[in-house]
Amino acid sequence: MLSVRIHGRGGQGVVSAAEMLSVAAFLEGKHAQAVPSFGSERMGAPVVAFCRIDDKPIRLREPVLEPDALIVQDPTLFGAIDVFGGLASDGYVLVNTGRSIEDLGIEKAVEHLPASHVCTIAATEIAMKYVKRPVPNAVLLGALCAETGVLGIESVVKAIEEKFPGPVGQANITAARAAYELASHA
């Protein structure tokens, strides 16, 4: 089973990212679940969502406390919460930033991970270029496909189309494909 925990802030599409990731898994014939975790948070407050993907039915229903992969949509969260708590020793980390791991001050938190399991991508910049809004969720899903190889980019593309039909979806698809290409060559 692949357990993914997505950290971000209200308004960044954290819950939508988990939903699209689970739909992409379903499209590949896998079992998946997306679980949001939020209360009455306002725009900008920390939000977390979870996604599990497996080849067999998933019976768990609790939050992902020991993720295999982390998506961090807002790196300012590193100073606010323990984003890395429970991360698998060979887990994946994907951070929305144009800065280096050293500049973020998280090199100690990821030093035990294989180098190919740590990826930074300027997802908000890519979203602004293609979507014209600072919503990095679809962009990061494209990068996650390249980083982990767990899901194909075409499944994510179809999930984005289902969630956001029309021009908004097409712009997000273009952004996700751009991130996939960047992460594939990282």
C-alpha atoms as a PDB file:
ATOM      1  CA  MET A   1       0.000   0.000   0.000  1.00  0.00           C
ATOM      2  CA  LEU A   2       1.155   3.529  -0.756  1.00  0.00           C
ATOM      3  CA  SER A   3       0.068   6.043   1.880  1.00  0.00           C
ATOM      4  CA  VAL A   4       0.295   9.699   0.930  1.00  0.00           C
ATOM      5  CA  ARG A   5      -0.076  12.663   3.257  1.00  0.00           C
ATOM      6  CA  ILE A   6      -0.624  16.077   1.707  1.00  0.00           C
ATOM      7  CA  HIS A   7       0.129  19.221   3.715  1.00  0.00           C
ATOM      8  CA  GLY A   8      -0.893  22.691   2.656  1.00  0.00           C
ATOM      9  CA  ARG A   9      -3.005  25.656   3.544  1.00  0.00           C
ATOM     10  CA  GLY A  10      -6.687  26.317   3.068  1.00  0.00           C
ATOM     11  CA  GLY A  11      -7.360  27.373  -0.510  1.00  0.00           C
ATOM     12  CA  GLN A  12      -4.444  25.474  -2.075  1.00  0.00           C
ATOM     13  CA  GLY A  13      -6.512  22.471  -3.127  1.00  0.00           C
ATOM     14  CA  VAL A  14      -5.142  19.955  -0.611  1.00  0.00           C
ATOM     15  CA  VAL A  15      -8.407  18.022  -0.362  1.00  0.00           C
ATOM     16  CA  SER A  16      -8.928  18.141  -4.131  1.00  0.00           C
ATOM     17  CA  ALA A  17      -5.396  16.782  -4.628  1.00  0.00           C
ATOM     18  CA  ALA A  18      -6.155  13.738  -2.472  1.00  0.00           C
ATOM     19  CA  GLU A  19      -9.431  13.185  -4.330  1.00  0.00           C
ATOM     20  CA  MET A  20      -7.794  13.427  -7.767  1.00  0.00           C
ATOM     21  CA  LEU A  21      -5.005  11.094  -6.683  1.00  0.00           C
ATOM     22  CA  SER A  22      -7.539   8.488  -5.564  1.00  0.00           C
ATOM     23  CA  VAL A  23      -9.515   8.833  -8.822  1.00  0.00           C
ATOM     24  CA  ALA A  24      -6.302   8.359 -10.810  1.00  0.00           C
ATOM     25  CA  ALA A  25      -5.652   5.147  -8.873  1.00  0.00           C
ATOM     26  CA  PHE A  26      -9.194   3.897  -9.532  1.00  0.00           C
ATOM     27  CA  LEU A  27      -8.691   4.574 -13.231  1.00  0.00           C
ATOM     28  CA  GLU A  28      -5.693   2.227 -13.122  1.00  0.00           C
ATOM     29  CA  GLY A  29      -7.771  -0.505 -11.490  1.00  0.00           C
ATOM     30  CA  LYS A  30      -6.354   0.038  -8.016  1.00  0.00           C
ATOM     31  CA  HIS A  31      -8.187   0.493  -4.746  1.00  0.00           C
ATOM     32  CA  ALA A  32      -7.897   3.944  -3.218  1.00  0.00           C
ATOM     33  CA  GLN A  33      -9.332   6.248  -0.634  1.00  0.00           C
ATOM     34  CA  ALA A  34      -9.039   9.963  -0.069  1.00  0.00           C
ATOM     35  CA  VAL A  35      -9.564  11.269   3.448  1.00  0.00           C
ATOM     36  CA  PRO A  36      -9.718  14.993   4.209  1.00  0.00           C
ATOM     37  CA  SER A  37      -8.826  16.249   7.658  1.00  0.00           C
ATOM     38  CA  PHE A  38     -10.027  19.724   8.400  1.00  0.00           C
ATOM     39  CA  GLY A  39     -12.372  21.507  10.700  1.00  0.00           C
ATOM     40  CA  SER A  40     -13.524  25.069  10.449  1.00  0.00           C
ATOM     41  CA  GLU A  41     -10.186  26.251   9.072  1.00  0.00           C
ATOM     42  CA  ARG A  42     -10.151  29.490   7.195  1.00  0.00           C
ATOM     43  CA  MET A  43      -8.298  30.360   4.030  1.00  0.00           C
ATOM     44  CA  GLY A  44      -4.581  30.038   4.748  1.00  0.00           C
ATOM     45  CA  ALA A  45      -4.866  27.788   7.822  1.00  0.00           C
ATOM     46  CA  PRO A  46      -2.902  24.490   7.791  1.00  0.00           C
ATOM     47  CA  VAL A  47      -4.830  21.644   6.153  1.00  0.00           C
ATOM     48  CA  VAL A  48      -3.912  17.991   5.682  1.00  0.00           C
ATOM     49  CA  ALA A  49      -5.450  15.278   3.520  1.00  0.00           C
ATOM     50  CA  PHE A  50      -4.575  11.645   3.010  1.00  0.00           C
ATOM     51  CA  CYS A  51      -4.691   9.145   0.178  1.00  0.00           C
ATOM     52  CA  ARG A  52      -4.101   5.421   0.230  1.00  0.00           C
ATOM     53  CA  ILE A  53      -3.514   3.342  -2.901  1.00  0.00           C
ATOM     54  CA  ASP A  54      -3.331  -0.446  -3.015  1.00  0.00           C
ATOM     55  CA  ASP A  55      -3.930  -3.428  -5.274  1.00  0.00           C
ATOM     56  CA  LYS A  56      -6.399  -4.889  -2.765  1.00  0.00           C
ATOM     57  CA  PRO A  57      -9.313  -3.434  -0.778  1.00  0.00           C
ATOM     58  CA  ILE A  58      -8.313  -0.929   1.890  1.00  0.00           C
ATOM     59  CA  ARG A  59      -9.876  -1.480   5.286  1.00  0.00           C
ATOM     60  CA  LEU A  60      -8.125   1.344   7.193  1.00  0.00           C
ATOM     61  CA  ARG A  61     -10.069   4.519   7.790  1.00  0.00           C
ATOM     62  CA  GLU A  62      -7.838   6.509  10.115  1.00  0.00           C
ATOM     63  CA  PRO A  63      -5.474   9.345   9.197  1.00  0.00           C
ATOM     64  CA  VAL A  64      -2.120   8.443   7.637  1.00  0.00           C
ATOM     65  CA  LEU A  65       0.349   8.666  10.505  1.00  0.00           C
ATOM     66  CA  GLU A  66       3.190   6.825   8.744  1.00  0.00           C
ATOM     67  CA  PRO A  67       3.199   8.061   5.145  1.00  0.00           C
ATOM     68  CA  ASP A  68       5.212   6.566   2.323  1.00  0.00           C
ATOM     69  CA  ALA A  69       5.033   9.895   0.511  1.00  0.00           C
ATOM     70  CA  LEU A  70       4.631  13.506   1.594  1.00  0.00           C
ATOM     71  CA  ILE A  71       3.449  16.331  -0.602  1.00  0.00           C
ATOM     72  CA  VAL A  72       4.119  19.719   0.941  1.00  0.00           C
ATOM     73  CA  GLN A  73       2.168  22.393  -0.898  1.00  0.00           C
ATOM     74  CA  ASP A  74       3.397  25.224   1.339  1.00  0.00           C
ATOM     75  CA  PRO A  75       6.964  25.102   2.720  1.00  0.00           C
ATOM     76  CA  THR A  76       6.150  27.708   5.388  1.00  0.00           C
ATOM     77  CA  LEU A  77       4.544  24.779   7.234  1.00  0.00           C
ATOM     78  CA  PHE A  78       7.988  23.394   8.108  1.00  0.00           C
ATOM     79  CA  GLY A  79       8.243  25.925  10.932  1.00  0.00           C
ATOM     80  CA  ALA A  80       4.647  25.476  12.072  1.00  0.00           C
ATOM     81  CA  ILE A  81       4.029  21.706  12.278  1.00  0.00           C
ATOM     82  CA  ASP A  82       5.934  18.410  12.171  1.00  0.00           C
ATOM     83  CA  VAL A  83       5.430  17.690   8.493  1.00  0.00           C
ATOM     84  CA  PHE A  84       7.917  14.786   8.513  1.00  0.00           C
ATOM     85  CA  GLY A  85       6.392  12.913  11.456  1.00  0.00           C
ATOM     86  CA  GLY A  86       6.170   9.178  10.771  1.00  0.00           C
ATOM     87  CA  LEU A  87       7.677   9.353   7.263  1.00  0.00           C
ATOM     88  CA  ALA A  88       8.900   5.954   6.059  1.00  0.00           C
ATOM     89  CA  SER A  89      12.690   5.526   6.032  1.00  0.00           C
ATOM     90  CA  ASP A  90      12.602   5.109   2.243  1.00  0.00           C
ATOM     91  CA  GLY A  91       9.707   7.527   1.741  1.00  0.00           C
ATOM     92  CA  TYR A  92       9.206  10.231  -0.856  1.00  0.00           C
ATOM     93  CA  VAL A  93       9.109  13.968  -0.244  1.00  0.00           C
ATOM     94  CA  LEU A  94       7.774  16.440  -2.791  1.00  0.00           C
ATOM     95  CA  VAL A  95       7.937  20.139  -1.883  1.00  0.00           C
ATOM     96  CA  ASN A  96       6.372  23.084  -3.699  1.00  0.00           C
ATOM     97  CA  THR A  97       9.342  25.442  -3.898  1.00  0.00           C
ATOM     98  CA  GLY A  98      11.960  26.831  -6.205  1.00  0.00           C
ATOM     99  CA  ARG A  99      14.434  26.826  -3.310  1.00  0.00           C
ATOM    100  CA  SER A 100      16.926  24.102  -2.403  1.00  0.00           C
ATOM    101  CA  ILE A 101      16.487  21.664   0.459  1.00  0.00           C
ATOM    102  CA  GLU A 102      19.362  23.440   2.239  1.00  0.00           C
ATOM    103  CA  ASP A 103      17.722  26.854   1.771  1.00  0.00           C
ATOM    104  CA  LEU A 104      14.544  25.434   3.317  1.00  0.00           C
ATOM    105  CA  GLY A 105      16.560  24.135   6.293  1.00  0.00           C
ATOM    106  CA  ILE A 106      15.175  20.588   6.022  1.00  0.00           C
ATOM    107  CA  GLU A 107      18.307  18.708   4.965  1.00  0.00           C
ATOM    108  CA  LYS A 108      18.491  16.856   8.321  1.00  0.00           C
ATOM    109  CA  ALA A 109      14.867  15.716   7.980  1.00  0.00           C
ATOM    110  CA  VAL A 110      15.474  14.151   4.553  1.00  0.00           C
ATOM    111  CA  GLU A 111      19.133  13.055   4.780  1.00  0.00           C
ATOM    112  CA  HIS A 112      18.158   9.403   5.421  1.00  0.00           C
ATOM    113  CA  LEU A 113      16.069   9.233   2.225  1.00  0.00           C
ATOM    114  CA  PRO A 114      17.418   8.130  -1.147  1.00  0.00           C
ATOM    115  CA  ALA A 115      18.322  11.258  -3.167  1.00  0.00           C
ATOM    116  CA  SER A 116      15.822  10.330  -5.892  1.00  0.00           C
ATOM    117  CA  HIS A 117      13.048  10.330  -3.267  1.00  0.00           C
ATOM    118  CA  VAL A 118      13.361  14.046  -2.518  1.00  0.00           C
ATOM    119  CA  CYS A 119      12.072  16.497  -5.098  1.00  0.00           C
ATOM    120  CA  THR A 120      11.430  20.225  -5.145  1.00  0.00           C
ATOM    121  CA  ILE A 121       9.361  21.845  -7.854  1.00  0.00           C
ATOM    122  CA  ALA A 122       8.128  25.414  -8.178  1.00  0.00           C
ATOM    123  CA  ALA A 123       4.517  24.278  -8.479  1.00  0.00           C
ATOM    124  CA  THR A 124       2.928  27.618  -7.642  1.00  0.00           C
ATOM    125  CA  GLU A 125       4.996  29.300 -10.365  1.00  0.00           C
ATOM    126  CA  ILE A 126       3.972  26.621 -12.860  1.00  0.00           C
ATOM    127  CA  ALA A 127       0.324  27.009 -11.815  1.00  0.00           C
ATOM    128  CA  MET A 128       0.527  30.783 -12.284  1.00  0.00           C
ATOM    129  CA  LYS A 129       2.014  30.307 -15.748  1.00  0.00           C
ATOM    130  CA  TYR A 130      -0.655  27.898 -17.003  1.00  0.00           C
ATOM    131  CA  VAL A 131      -3.676  28.182 -14.687  1.00  0.00           C
ATOM    132  CA  LYS A 132      -3.247  31.863 -13.793  1.00  0.00           C
ATOM    133  CA  ARG A 133      -3.996  31.061 -10.148  1.00  0.00           C
ATOM    134  CA  PRO A 134      -1.638  30.084  -7.269  1.00  0.00           C
ATOM    135  CA  VAL A 135      -3.121  26.600  -6.830  1.00  0.00           C
ATOM    136  CA  PRO A 136      -0.303  24.005  -6.914  1.00  0.00           C
ATOM    137  CA  ASN A 137      -2.299  20.784  -6.346  1.00  0.00           C
ATOM    138  CA  ALA A 138      -2.590  19.399  -9.910  1.00  0.00           C
ATOM    139  CA  VAL A 139       0.972  20.476 -10.666  1.00  0.00           C
ATOM    140  CA  LEU A 140       2.279  18.487  -7.714  1.00  0.00           C
ATOM    141  CA  LEU A 141       0.320  15.391  -8.745  1.00  0.00           C
ATOM    142  CA  GLY A 142       2.109  15.446 -12.086  1.00  0.00           C
ATOM    143  CA  ALA A 143       5.455  15.645 -10.285  1.00  0.00           C
ATOM    144  CA  LEU A 144       4.454  12.856  -7.876  1.00  0.00           C
ATOM    145  CA  CYS A 145       3.812  10.525 -10.828  1.00  0.00           C
ATOM    146  CA  ALA A 146       7.329  11.129 -12.098  1.00  0.00           C
ATOM    147  CA  GLU A 147       8.960  10.881  -8.669  1.00  0.00           C
ATOM    148  CA  THR A 148       7.297   7.667  -7.472  1.00  0.00           C
ATOM    149  CA  GLY A 149       6.220   5.884 -10.663  1.00  0.00           C
ATOM    150  CA  VAL A 150       3.191   4.557  -8.739  1.00  0.00           C
ATOM    151  CA  LEU A 151       0.650   6.102 -11.114  1.00  0.00           C
ATOM    152  CA  GLY A 152       0.868   7.074 -14.742  1.00  0.00           C
ATOM    153  CA  ILE A 153       0.511  10.691 -15.806  1.00  0.00           C
ATOM    154  CA  GLU A 154      -2.406   9.808 -18.113  1.00  0.00           C
ATOM    155  CA  SER A 155      -4.454   8.610 -15.132  1.00  0.00           C
ATOM    156  CA  VAL A 156      -3.800  11.866 -13.329  1.00  0.00           C
ATOM    157  CA  VAL A 157      -4.745  13.769 -16.495  1.00  0.00           C
ATOM    158  CA  LYS A 158      -8.088  11.940 -16.632  1.00  0.00           C
ATOM    159  CA  ALA A 159      -8.697  12.586 -12.920  1.00  0.00           C
ATOM    160  CA  ILE A 160      -8.045  16.310 -13.440  1.00  0.00           C
ATOM    161  CA  GLU A 161     -10.450  16.332 -16.403  1.00  0.00           C
ATOM    162  CA  GLU A 162     -13.149  14.744 -14.245  1.00  0.00           C
ATOM    163  CA  LYS A 163     -12.627  17.209 -11.386  1.00  0.00           C
ATOM    164  CA  PHE A 164     -12.242  20.324 -13.552  1.00  0.00           C
ATOM    165  CA  PRO A 165     -13.898  19.944 -16.957  1.00  0.00           C
ATOM    166  CA  GLY A 166     -13.329  22.639 -19.554  1.00  0.00           C
ATOM    167  CA  PRO A 167     -10.631  25.304 -19.847  1.00  0.00           C
ATOM    168  CA  VAL A 168      -9.679  25.230 -16.147  1.00  0.00           C
ATOM    169  CA  GLY A 169      -9.058  21.491 -16.362  1.00  0.00           C
ATOM    170  CA  GLN A 170      -7.055  21.826 -19.567  1.00  0.00           C
ATOM    171  CA  ALA A 171      -4.852  24.501 -17.988  1.00  0.00           C
ATOM    172  CA  ASN A 172      -4.274  22.259 -14.938  1.00  0.00           C
ATOM    173  CA  ILE A 173      -3.460  19.332 -17.220  1.00  0.00           C
ATOM    174  CA  THR A 174      -0.874  21.380 -19.087  1.00  0.00           C
ATOM    175  CA  ALA A 175       0.645  22.427 -15.749  1.00  0.00           C
ATOM    176  CA  ALA A 176       0.664  18.835 -14.427  1.00  0.00           C
ATOM    177  CA  ARG A 177       2.371  17.598 -17.610  1.00  0.00           C
ATOM    178  CA  ALA A 178       4.983  20.363 -17.326  1.00  0.00           C
ATOM    179  CA  ALA A 179       5.727  19.332 -13.735  1.00  0.00           C
ATOM    180  CA  TYR A 180       5.872  15.674 -14.751  1.00  0.00           C
ATOM    181  CA  GLU A 181       8.529  16.519 -17.352  1.00  0.00           C
ATOM    182  CA  LEU A 182      10.543  18.626 -14.914  1.00  0.00           C
ATOM    183  CA  ALA A 183      10.436  15.980 -12.181  1.00  0.00           C
ATOM    184  CA  SER A 184      11.300  13.230 -14.679  1.00  0.00           C
ATOM    185  CA  HIS A 185      14.579  15.020 -15.428  1.00  0.00           C
ATOM    186  CA  ALA A 186      15.395  16.033 -11.863  1.00  0.00           C
END
